[in-house]
Amino acid sequence: MYPAAPTPPPEPARVGLPRPLIVATVVLALVATMLGLLPWPQPVWVRTSRWLVDDVPAPLWTFLLVTTLTCLGTAVVLLRRETGLGPRNPVFWAWLTLVVVAAAALVWNALYAAALSNRVSGAIIPIFHWLFTSTPAFLAGWLFAGRGRRAGWAGALGTGVVTLPLFALSWALLIGPEGFSLAGIAGLLHITGILGVAPLIAAVALAGVLGGGAVRTGR
C-alpha cells in the first residue's frame, strides 16, 4: 500500500474591494455634481484677503455644510461597518481628523471656485488639484498599515467618500449653471476622472499594499 497523498494546503481567500464604499463615493459624487450646477449665489473674490473669499451667501454655506456632513457621516458609518473600528481606537480618531482636515480644504476650494465662477477667462491649468483626493487616501492607508489589505482599502476609500464628491462639487461651482448640458456634464466627469478618480485609485492601491501583512485587530 502506498501512503496517502498529503492534503493540499487550502487556497488563500480572495480579498475583495469594499463595494459599499465605492458605490457611496460614485453616487455622492454624481449628486454633488448635479447640485453644484444649480444657480447658487456667489461669494466675493477678494485678492487682498488672506482667504481670497468674502461675503459667502448663507444658502451656499448651508449647501456646502449639508453636503460635507452627509459625505462625512456616510464615510464614518461605512468605515466602521467594514473595519469594526470604534471610538475607543485611536486609529479611528486619527482617520476622522484626517478626513475632516481634507474636507475643510475642499470646502475652501469650493468657495474659491464659486467666487471665480464669473471671472474665469480661458482654460484653467490645475497643478496640485490631484492631491485633494490622493493625499488623504494615502495617509489613511498608512494609518491602517498592517490591518489587512481590505482594511487598508476601506480606510483609503473612506476618505474618497468625502473628498471626491467635494472635489467634483468644486468644479461644478466653477462652471456654474452654464455647464448644465450634456457637454458640460461630460466635461465635468472627464476632469473629475483625471484629477480626482485616477489619483484616488492609485492611492487606494498603495493603501492595499500597506495594509497587507500581519493583521492587527482592536476596536
Protein backbone atom coordinates (compact mmCIF):
# COMPACT_ATOMS: atom_id res chain seq x y z
CA MET A 1 0.00 0.00 0.00
CA TYR A 2 1.24 3.43 -0.89
CA PRO A 3 0.93 6.20 1.73
CA ALA A 4 -1.93 8.60 1.23
CA ALA A 5 -1.09 11.76 -0.66
CA PRO A 6 -0.73 14.78 1.58
CA THR A 7 -3.70 17.10 1.73
CA PRO A 8 -3.03 20.19 -0.39
CA PRO A 9 -2.93 23.44 1.58
CA PRO A 10 -6.11 25.50 1.39
CA GLU A 11 -6.12 28.23 -1.16
CA PRO A 12 -5.90 31.73 0.35
CA ALA A 13 -9.22 33.53 0.41
CA ARG A 14 -9.51 36.29 -2.13
CA VAL A 15 -9.86 39.74 -0.65
CA GLY A 16 -12.35 41.93 -2.46
CA LEU A 17 -12.72 45.66 -2.52
CA PRO A 18 -15.30 47.11 -0.11
CA ARG A 19 -18.03 47.78 -2.67
CA PRO A 20 -20.36 49.82 -0.40
CA LEU A 21 -17.68 52.49 -0.11
CA ILE A 22 -17.17 52.56 -3.88
CA VAL A 23 -20.91 52.82 -4.56
CA ALA A 24 -21.32 55.59 -1.98
CA THR A 25 -18.43 57.55 -3.49
CA VAL A 26 -19.84 57.34 -7.02
CA VAL A 27 -23.40 58.20 -6.02
CA LEU A 28 -22.42 61.13 -3.80
CA ALA A 29 -20.03 62.49 -6.44
CA LEU A 30 -22.73 62.42 -9.13
CA VAL A 31 -25.33 64.03 -6.85
CA ALA A 32 -22.87 66.73 -5.74
CA THR A 33 -22.00 67.48 -9.36
CA MET A 34 -25.64 67.89 -10.37
CA LEU A 35 -26.48 70.05 -7.35
CA GLY A 36 -23.37 72.15 -7.84
CA LEU A 37 -24.59 73.20 -11.28
CA LEU A 38 -27.66 74.89 -9.81
CA PRO A 39 -27.65 78.71 -9.72
CA TRP A 40 -26.14 79.23 -6.27
CA PRO A 41 -25.38 82.77 -5.06
CA GLN A 42 -21.69 83.53 -5.30
CA PRO A 43 -19.24 84.74 -2.68
CA VAL A 44 -17.00 87.71 -3.35
CA TRP A 45 -13.48 87.16 -4.62
CA VAL A 46 -11.05 89.44 -2.76
CA ARG A 47 -7.48 89.48 -3.99
CA THR A 48 -6.19 91.23 -0.86
CA SER A 49 -7.83 88.85 1.61
CA ARG A 50 -5.82 86.01 3.11
CA TRP A 51 -8.63 83.57 2.26
CA LEU A 52 -9.38 85.20 -1.13
CA VAL A 53 -13.10 84.80 -0.45
CA ASP A 54 -15.51 87.04 1.43
CA ASP A 55 -19.27 87.58 1.92
CA VAL A 56 -20.26 83.95 1.42
CA PRO A 57 -24.07 83.78 0.98
CA ALA A 58 -25.93 81.77 3.62
CA PRO A 59 -27.57 79.40 1.09
CA LEU A 60 -24.15 78.42 -0.28
CA TRP A 61 -22.73 77.94 3.21
CA THR A 62 -25.71 75.76 4.14
CA PHE A 63 -25.44 73.72 0.95
CA LEU A 64 -21.72 73.06 1.48
CA LEU A 65 -22.20 72.24 5.16
CA VAL A 66 -25.03 69.77 4.49
CA THR A 67 -23.11 68.15 1.65
CA THR A 68 -19.96 67.80 3.75
CA LEU A 69 -21.79 66.37 6.76
CA THR A 70 -23.69 63.92 4.56
CA CYS A 71 -20.49 62.64 2.98
CA LEU A 72 -18.67 62.53 6.31
CA GLY A 73 -21.49 60.69 8.08
CA THR A 74 -21.72 58.15 5.26
CA ALA A 75 -17.97 57.58 5.33
CA VAL A 76 -17.90 57.03 9.11
CA VAL A 77 -20.79 54.56 9.07
CA LEU A 78 -19.37 52.53 6.18
CA LEU A 79 -15.82 52.55 7.57
CA ARG A 80 -16.97 51.23 10.94
CA ARG A 81 -19.02 48.56 9.20
CA GLU A 82 -16.04 47.47 7.11
CA THR A 83 -13.28 47.61 9.74
CA GLY A 84 -15.04 47.34 13.08
CA LEU A 85 -13.09 50.29 14.44
CA GLY A 86 -14.87 52.25 17.13
CA PRO A 87 -14.39 55.45 19.09
CA ARG A 88 -12.11 53.67 21.58
CA ASN A 89 -9.49 53.08 18.91
CA PRO A 90 -7.05 55.95 18.29
CA VAL A 91 -6.74 54.92 14.63
CA PHE A 92 -10.40 55.79 14.15
CA TRP A 93 -9.88 59.30 15.55
CA ALA A 94 -6.71 59.81 13.54
CA TRP A 95 -8.59 58.80 10.38
CA LEU A 96 -11.52 61.06 11.26
CA THR A 97 -9.20 64.02 11.88
CA LEU A 98 -7.54 63.41 8.53
CA VAL A 99 -10.87 63.36 6.71
CA VAL A 100 -12.15 66.50 8.46
CA VAL A 101 -8.99 68.43 7.53
CA ALA A 102 -9.29 67.26 3.92
CA ALA A 103 -12.97 68.25 3.87
CA ALA A 104 -12.16 71.71 5.23
CA ALA A 105 -9.58 72.24 2.48
CA LEU A 106 -12.07 71.16 -0.17
CA VAL A 107 -14.83 73.38 1.23
CA TRP A 108 -12.47 76.34 0.88
CA ASN A 109 -11.63 75.19 -2.64
CA ALA A 110 -15.34 75.03 -3.45
CA LEU A 111 -15.90 78.56 -2.15
CA TYR A 112 -12.92 79.82 -4.11
CA ALA A 113 -14.21 78.12 -7.25
CA ALA A 114 -17.66 79.63 -6.75
CA ALA A 115 -16.14 83.09 -6.32
CA LEU A 116 -14.19 82.68 -9.55
CA SER A 117 -17.17 81.40 -11.50
CA ASN A 118 -17.81 84.66 -13.40
CA ARG A 119 -14.16 85.72 -13.54
CA VAL A 120 -12.59 82.76 -15.33
CA SER A 121 -11.48 83.52 -18.87
CA GLY A 122 -9.68 80.81 -20.78
CA ALA A 123 -8.55 77.41 -19.63
CA ILE A 124 -7.63 76.72 -16.01
CA ILE A 125 -4.33 74.91 -15.51
CA PRO A 126 -4.67 72.71 -12.41
CA ILE A 127 -1.31 71.83 -10.89
CA PHE A 128 -1.88 70.43 -7.42
CA HIS A 129 -5.59 69.54 -7.62
CA TRP A 130 -4.80 65.81 -7.83
CA LEU A 131 -3.51 65.99 -4.26
CA PHE A 132 -7.00 66.66 -2.87
CA THR A 133 -8.09 63.02 -3.23
CA SER A 134 -4.79 61.14 -3.31
CA THR A 135 -3.09 62.56 -0.21
CA PRO A 136 -5.84 61.74 2.33
CA ALA A 137 -6.27 58.26 0.84
CA PHE A 138 -2.55 57.53 1.01
CA LEU A 139 -2.27 58.78 4.59
CA ALA A 140 -5.30 56.69 5.56
CA GLY A 141 -3.60 53.65 4.06
CA TRP A 142 -0.57 54.42 6.21
CA LEU A 143 -2.81 54.64 9.30
CA PHE A 144 -4.28 51.22 8.52
CA ALA A 145 -0.92 49.59 7.74
CA GLY A 146 -0.76 46.00 8.97
CA ARG A 147 -4.52 45.65 9.48
CA GLY A 148 -5.11 43.68 6.32
CA ARG A 149 -5.50 44.61 2.69
CA ARG A 150 -9.27 45.11 2.89
CA ALA A 151 -8.92 47.41 5.91
CA GLY A 152 -6.32 49.44 4.04
CA TRP A 153 -8.65 49.74 1.07
CA ALA A 154 -11.54 50.68 3.35
CA GLY A 155 -9.54 53.39 5.11
CA ALA A 156 -8.43 54.93 1.82
CA LEU A 157 -11.81 54.62 0.11
CA GLY A 158 -13.46 56.07 3.19
CA THR A 159 -11.61 59.31 2.56
CA GLY A 160 -12.80 59.24 -1.05
CA VAL A 161 -16.44 59.16 0.09
CA VAL A 162 -15.80 62.70 1.35
CA THR A 163 -13.08 64.10 -0.90
CA LEU A 164 -14.27 63.03 -4.34
CA PRO A 165 -17.82 64.48 -4.07
CA LEU A 166 -16.45 67.78 -2.72
CA PHE A 167 -13.79 67.78 -5.43
CA ALA A 168 -16.42 67.30 -8.14
CA LEU A 169 -18.61 69.94 -6.49
CA SER A 170 -15.79 72.50 -6.69
CA TRP A 171 -15.56 72.12 -10.47
CA ALA A 172 -19.34 72.26 -10.80
CA LEU A 173 -19.48 75.53 -8.85
CA LEU A 174 -16.68 76.92 -11.01
CA ILE A 175 -18.53 76.17 -14.25
CA GLY A 176 -21.91 77.24 -12.86
CA PRO A 177 -25.36 76.74 -14.38
CA GLU A 178 -23.93 77.21 -17.89
CA GLY A 179 -22.49 73.73 -17.56
CA PHE A 180 -25.92 72.15 -17.15
CA SER A 181 -25.81 70.45 -20.54
CA LEU A 182 -24.71 67.10 -21.87
CA ALA A 183 -21.37 68.51 -23.00
CA GLY A 184 -20.87 70.42 -19.75
CA ILE A 185 -21.59 67.40 -17.56
CA ALA A 186 -19.36 65.21 -19.71
CA GLY A 187 -16.56 67.75 -19.29
CA LEU A 188 -17.03 67.77 -15.52
CA LEU A 189 -16.92 63.98 -15.34
CA HIS A 190 -13.82 63.96 -17.53
CA ILE A 191 -11.82 66.38 -15.40
CA THR A 192 -13.05 64.73 -12.19
CA GLY A 193 -11.93 61.38 -13.52
CA ILE A 194 -8.45 62.59 -14.46
CA LEU A 195 -7.70 64.80 -11.45
CA GLY A 196 -9.86 63.13 -8.80
CA VAL A 197 -10.65 59.50 -9.54
CA ALA A 198 -7.33 58.40 -11.05
CA PRO A 199 -5.18 59.75 -8.17
CA LEU A 200 -7.64 58.24 -5.69
CA ILE A 201 -7.37 54.81 -7.34
CA ALA A 202 -3.58 54.99 -7.24
CA ALA A 203 -3.62 55.89 -3.54
CA VAL A 204 -6.12 53.12 -2.76
CA ALA A 205 -3.85 50.62 -4.50
CA LEU A 206 -0.92 51.77 -2.36
CA ALA A 207 -3.11 51.55 0.74
CA GLY A 208 -3.85 47.92 -0.09
CA VAL A 209 -0.13 47.21 -0.26
CA LEU A 210 0.46 48.94 3.06
CA GLY A 211 -2.45 47.07 4.61
CA GLY A 212 -1.03 43.64 3.79
CA GLY A 213 0.94 41.56 6.26
CA ALA A 214 0.11 40.75 9.84
CA VAL A 215 -3.40 41.74 10.73
CA ARG A 216 -3.93 43.74 13.92
CA THR A 217 -7.35 43.93 15.47
CA GLY A 218 -8.95 46.17 18.03
CA ARG A 219 -11.95 48.39 18.48
